[in-house]
N, C-alpha and C. Protein backbone atom coordinates (compact mmCIF):
# COMPACT_ATOMS: atom_id res chain seq x y z
N MET A 1 26.05 6.94 -7.80
CA MET A 1 25.24 7.79 -7.17
C MET A 1 24.77 6.92 -5.91
N LEU A 2 24.45 5.71 -5.93
CA LEU A 2 23.88 5.00 -4.59
C LEU A 2 24.86 5.48 -3.54
N THR A 3 26.15 5.09 -3.86
CA THR A 3 27.40 5.09 -2.88
C THR A 3 27.52 6.36 -1.84
N ALA A 4 26.68 7.45 -3.29
CA ALA A 4 27.11 8.84 -3.10
C ALA A 4 26.40 9.41 -1.83
N LEU A 5 24.88 8.40 -1.78
CA LEU A 5 23.77 8.78 -1.21
C LEU A 5 23.36 7.76 -0.21
N GLY A 6 24.49 7.02 -0.12
CA GLY A 6 24.95 6.47 1.12
C GLY A 6 23.84 5.09 1.19
N VAL A 7 23.33 4.54 0.00
CA VAL A 7 22.36 3.56 -0.03
C VAL A 7 23.37 2.03 -0.34
N ASP A 8 23.14 1.07 0.10
CA ASP A 8 23.59 0.20 -0.37
C ASP A 8 23.02 -1.05 -1.45
N SER A 9 21.56 -0.70 -1.48
CA SER A 9 20.97 -1.56 -2.68
C SER A 9 19.67 -0.79 -2.75
N ALA A 10 19.02 -0.76 -3.98
CA ALA A 10 18.00 -0.35 -4.47
C ALA A 10 16.78 -1.11 -5.06
N ALA A 11 15.68 -0.85 -5.06
CA ALA A 11 14.98 -1.55 -6.29
C ALA A 11 14.91 -0.62 -7.14
N VAL A 12 15.01 -0.98 -8.70
CA VAL A 12 15.40 -0.22 -10.14
C VAL A 12 14.47 -0.35 -10.65
N CYS A 13 13.39 -0.07 -11.68
CA CYS A 13 12.24 0.68 -12.44
C CYS A 13 12.77 1.74 -13.43
N GLY A 14 12.90 0.74 -14.83
CA GLY A 14 12.97 1.61 -15.56
C GLY A 14 12.14 0.91 -17.22
N HIS A 15 11.81 2.38 -17.90
CA HIS A 15 10.63 2.56 -18.53
C HIS A 15 10.91 2.58 -20.20
N SER A 16 10.90 2.01 -21.18
CA SER A 16 11.45 2.17 -22.50
C SER A 16 13.40 2.38 -22.49
N TYR A 17 13.37 3.14 -22.69
CA TYR A 17 15.44 3.18 -22.62
C TYR A 17 15.82 3.00 -21.69
N GLY A 18 15.04 3.10 -20.98
CA GLY A 18 15.41 3.22 -19.29
C GLY A 18 15.04 1.35 -18.57
N GLY A 19 14.50 1.01 -19.27
CA GLY A 19 14.35 -0.24 -19.22
C GLY A 19 15.93 -1.18 -19.99
N TRP A 20 16.23 -0.76 -20.72
CA TRP A 20 16.88 -1.53 -21.17
C TRP A 20 18.19 -1.41 -20.73
N LEU A 21 18.27 0.30 -20.34
CA LEU A 21 19.83 0.30 -19.23
C LEU A 21 19.25 -0.05 -18.29
N ALA A 22 18.17 -0.27 -17.66
CA ALA A 22 18.48 -0.91 -16.35
C ALA A 22 18.78 -3.06 -16.90
N LEU A 23 18.38 -3.43 -17.46
CA LEU A 23 18.51 -4.84 -18.04
C LEU A 23 19.82 -4.63 -18.42
N THR A 24 20.71 -4.06 -18.76
CA THR A 24 21.72 -4.30 -19.35
C THR A 24 23.09 -3.94 -17.94
N ARG A 25 22.77 -2.75 -16.88
CA ARG A 25 23.64 -2.50 -16.11
C ARG A 25 23.57 -3.21 -14.75
N ALA A 26 22.20 -4.08 -14.56
CA ALA A 26 21.94 -4.72 -13.45
C ALA A 26 22.92 -5.62 -12.73
N PRO A 27 23.19 -6.69 -14.17
CA PRO A 27 23.94 -7.91 -13.84
C PRO A 27 25.06 -7.20 -13.26
N HIS A 28 25.85 -6.28 -13.64
CA HIS A 28 27.03 -5.39 -13.45
C HIS A 28 27.20 -4.82 -11.98
N ALA A 29 26.22 -5.74 -10.86
CA ALA A 29 26.13 -4.86 -9.79
C ALA A 29 25.21 -5.42 -8.88
N PRO A 30 25.17 -7.11 -9.29
CA PRO A 30 24.03 -7.72 -8.85
C PRO A 30 23.69 -7.34 -6.92
N ALA A 31 24.43 -7.46 -6.26
CA ALA A 31 24.08 -7.06 -4.90
C ALA A 31 23.42 -5.64 -4.34
N ARG A 32 23.93 -4.70 -5.20
CA ARG A 32 23.25 -3.21 -5.42
C ARG A 32 22.02 -3.21 -5.84
N VAL A 33 21.01 -4.38 -6.79
CA VAL A 33 19.99 -4.42 -7.11
C VAL A 33 18.62 -5.46 -5.91
N ARG A 34 18.44 -5.29 -5.74
CA ARG A 34 17.26 -5.36 -4.60
C ARG A 34 16.10 -5.96 -5.75
N GLN A 35 15.26 -5.23 -6.60
CA GLN A 35 14.23 -5.78 -7.29
C GLN A 35 14.65 -4.44 -8.51
N LEU A 36 14.42 -5.63 -9.57
CA LEU A 36 14.34 -5.28 -11.17
C LEU A 36 13.12 -5.40 -12.26
N ALA A 37 12.05 -3.88 -12.09
CA ALA A 37 11.30 -3.67 -12.84
C ALA A 37 11.39 -2.99 -14.19
N LEU A 38 10.46 -3.92 -14.83
CA LEU A 38 11.25 -3.16 -16.50
C LEU A 38 9.24 -3.02 -17.07
N GLU A 39 9.35 -1.72 -17.23
CA GLU A 39 8.00 -1.02 -18.08
C GLU A 39 8.19 -1.41 -19.25
N HIS A 40 7.62 -1.72 -20.46
CA HIS A 40 7.89 -1.79 -21.73
C HIS A 40 8.92 -1.68 -21.92
N PRO A 41 10.37 -2.18 -21.73
CA PRO A 41 11.34 -1.83 -22.31
C PRO A 41 12.16 -2.15 -23.31
N SER A 42 12.64 -1.55 -24.36
CA SER A 42 13.11 -1.48 -25.45
C SER A 42 14.93 -1.55 -25.86
N TRP A 43 15.12 -1.95 -26.94
CA TRP A 43 16.40 -2.29 -27.03
C TRP A 43 16.24 -3.04 -28.82
N ASP A 44 17.90 -2.97 -28.90
CA ASP A 44 18.19 -3.77 -30.29
C ASP A 44 18.53 -5.06 -30.22
N ASP A 45 17.93 -5.43 -31.18
CA ASP A 45 18.35 -7.32 -30.97
C ASP A 45 19.44 -7.81 -32.01
N ALA A 46 19.96 -8.76 -31.85
CA ALA A 46 20.73 -9.42 -32.16
C ALA A 46 20.88 -8.63 -33.97
N GLU A 47 20.00 -8.34 -35.02
CA GLU A 47 19.93 -8.00 -36.35
C GLU A 47 19.68 -6.47 -36.26
N GLY A 48 19.65 -5.92 -35.13
CA GLY A 48 19.60 -4.36 -35.25
C GLY A 48 18.18 -3.81 -35.12
N ARG A 49 17.05 -4.79 -35.27
CA ARG A 49 15.67 -4.15 -34.93
C ARG A 49 15.53 -3.69 -33.66
N ARG A 50 14.87 -2.72 -33.77
CA ARG A 50 14.59 -2.40 -32.25
C ARG A 50 13.15 -2.93 -32.70
N GLY A 51 12.63 -3.33 -30.57
CA GLY A 51 11.43 -3.66 -30.26
C GLY A 51 11.11 -3.60 -28.67
N ALA A 52 10.52 -4.25 -28.34
CA ALA A 52 10.13 -4.31 -26.97
C ALA A 52 9.97 -5.83 -26.49
N ARG A 53 10.78 -6.68 -26.97
CA ARG A 53 11.06 -7.83 -26.43
C ARG A 53 12.84 -8.03 -25.84
N ARG A 54 12.47 -9.36 -25.16
CA ARG A 54 13.39 -9.78 -24.21
C ARG A 54 14.81 -10.22 -25.46
N SER A 55 16.03 -9.73 -25.22
CA SER A 55 16.49 -9.98 -25.84
C SER A 55 17.56 -11.30 -25.04
N PRO A 56 17.75 -12.40 -26.07
CA PRO A 56 18.14 -13.93 -25.53
C PRO A 56 19.83 -13.47 -24.68
N LYS A 57 20.69 -12.48 -25.44
CA LYS A 57 21.73 -12.30 -24.68
C LYS A 57 21.65 -11.44 -23.59
N SER A 58 20.72 -10.44 -23.26
CA SER A 58 20.72 -9.83 -22.16
C SER A 58 20.16 -10.56 -20.73
N ARG A 59 19.06 -11.50 -21.53
CA ARG A 59 18.50 -12.47 -20.50
C ARG A 59 19.60 -13.31 -20.06
N ASP A 60 20.25 -14.24 -20.71
CA ASP A 60 21.40 -15.07 -20.55
C ASP A 60 21.94 -13.94 -19.30
N ARG A 61 22.63 -12.85 -19.81
CA ARG A 61 23.66 -12.33 -18.63
C ARG A 61 22.58 -12.02 -17.17
N LEU A 62 21.56 -11.62 -17.41
CA LEU A 62 20.80 -11.35 -16.21
C LEU A 62 20.71 -12.34 -15.26
N THR A 63 20.40 -13.76 -15.71
CA THR A 63 19.97 -14.77 -15.40
C THR A 63 21.14 -15.62 -15.07
N ALA A 64 22.10 -15.09 -15.32
CA ALA A 64 23.54 -15.89 -15.00
C ALA A 64 24.33 -15.59 -13.33
N GLY A 65 23.67 -14.74 -13.40
CA GLY A 65 24.29 -13.90 -11.96
C GLY A 65 23.55 -14.73 -10.48
N ARG A 66 22.45 -14.23 -10.59
CA ARG A 66 21.50 -14.37 -9.73
C ARG A 66 20.35 -13.58 -10.30
N ALA A 67 19.37 -14.72 -9.49
CA ALA A 67 17.85 -14.42 -10.27
C ALA A 67 17.16 -12.83 -9.24
N PHE A 68 16.62 -12.38 -10.22
CA PHE A 68 15.91 -10.71 -9.27
C PHE A 68 14.63 -11.29 -8.72
N THR A 69 14.25 -11.10 -7.78
CA THR A 69 12.65 -11.70 -7.56
C THR A 69 12.38 -10.51 -6.68
N GLY A 70 10.67 -10.40 -6.67
CA GLY A 70 9.92 -9.25 -6.64
C GLY A 70 9.74 -9.72 -5.06
């Protein structure tokens, strides 16, 4: 969508399931995400429990490429 709109990078904000989606997709295109804001993100943890807490696997994938700053 960014390419179709002619936008090089954007600030991304995700709420609830959108927070999970933003957190898991942002590391795949770090140059396209200027900022990442998560508001009450939810996802399944390794044991399949849903909750609003940071998954270590997602956190490690997010910080492995580049740090997202505000």
